[in-house]
């Protein structure tokens, strides 16, 4: 399965459960400062998903997100 969104949807619950003691109710790591636009758990899940699909370049990942998956990941 090479669909980034479907793989993301499978990985996110695992990451969320694994980081539960480090994150708040929104899924952000507890820290002082401005609230991030992109949830920390989502960002980590997206990074792991990209690596699992052999998308090792962040530039390529963000190009794919803006072109092929714009509706699935609107905040990127």
Protein backbone atom coordinates (compact mmCIF):
# COMPACT_ATOMS: atom_id res chain seq x y z
CA UNK A 1 0.00 0.00 0.00
CA UNK A 2 1.61 3.24 -1.15
CA UNK A 3 -1.08 5.71 -0.20
CA UNK A 4 0.44 8.20 2.21
CA UNK A 5 -2.87 9.08 3.86
CA UNK A 6 -3.99 5.51 4.53
CA UNK A 7 -0.59 4.60 5.98
CA UNK A 8 -0.64 7.78 8.08
CA UNK A 9 -4.06 6.80 9.44
CA UNK A 10 -2.65 3.43 10.53
CA UNK A 11 0.52 4.82 12.13
CA UNK A 12 -1.03 7.78 13.97
CA UNK A 13 -2.90 5.78 16.67
CA UNK A 14 0.28 3.85 17.48
CA UNK A 15 2.30 7.07 17.83
CA UNK A 16 -0.47 8.73 19.84
CA UNK A 17 -0.60 5.82 22.28
CA UNK A 18 3.19 5.62 22.54
CA UNK A 19 3.54 9.35 23.31
CA UNK A 20 0.48 9.65 25.57
CA UNK A 21 2.51 10.40 28.70
CA UNK A 22 4.43 13.17 26.93
CA UNK A 23 1.52 14.94 25.18
CA UNK A 24 -1.46 17.03 26.19
CA UNK A 25 -5.06 16.39 25.16
CA UNK A 26 -4.45 18.03 21.77
CA UNK A 27 -1.53 15.76 20.93
CA UNK A 28 1.18 18.37 21.43
CA UNK A 29 4.28 17.78 23.51
CA UNK A 30 4.08 19.80 26.71
CA UNK A 31 6.27 22.88 26.31
CA UNK A 32 6.22 26.61 26.88
CA UNK A 33 5.62 28.88 23.92
CA UNK A 34 3.21 29.39 21.08
CA UNK A 35 0.77 26.66 20.16
CA UNK A 36 1.97 24.94 16.98
CA UNK A 37 -0.17 24.98 13.83
CA UNK A 38 0.54 21.31 13.17
CA UNK A 39 -0.02 18.83 16.01
CA UNK A 40 3.19 17.19 17.23
CA UNK A 41 1.72 13.67 17.09
CA UNK A 42 0.65 14.29 13.48
CA UNK A 43 4.09 15.58 12.53
CA UNK A 44 5.86 12.58 14.05
CA UNK A 45 3.36 10.21 12.43
CA UNK A 46 3.83 11.89 9.07
CA UNK A 47 7.60 11.62 9.35
CA UNK A 48 7.41 7.91 10.20
CA UNK A 49 4.94 7.31 7.39
CA UNK A 50 7.20 9.02 4.86
CA UNK A 51 10.20 6.98 6.00
CA UNK A 52 8.21 3.75 5.78
CA UNK A 53 7.34 4.61 2.17
CA UNK A 54 10.99 5.44 1.36
CA UNK A 55 10.35 9.16 1.04
CA UNK A 56 13.59 10.17 2.71
CA UNK A 57 13.70 13.77 1.46
CA UNK A 58 11.67 16.34 3.40
CA UNK A 59 11.49 18.50 0.28
CA UNK A 60 9.98 15.63 -1.71
CA UNK A 61 7.55 14.91 1.11
CA UNK A 62 6.28 18.49 1.24
CA UNK A 63 6.02 18.68 -2.56
CA UNK A 64 3.91 15.50 -2.49
CA UNK A 65 1.77 16.89 0.33
CA UNK A 66 1.11 20.13 -1.54
CA UNK A 67 0.36 18.47 -4.86
CA UNK A 68 -1.06 14.97 -4.33
CA UNK A 69 -2.40 15.14 -0.76
CA UNK A 70 -3.47 18.78 -0.40
CA UNK A 71 -7.00 17.86 0.72
CA UNK A 72 -5.81 15.21 3.18
CA UNK A 73 -3.23 17.45 4.89
CA UNK A 74 -4.57 21.04 4.63
CA UNK A 75 -2.26 22.63 7.22
CA UNK A 76 0.98 21.66 5.52
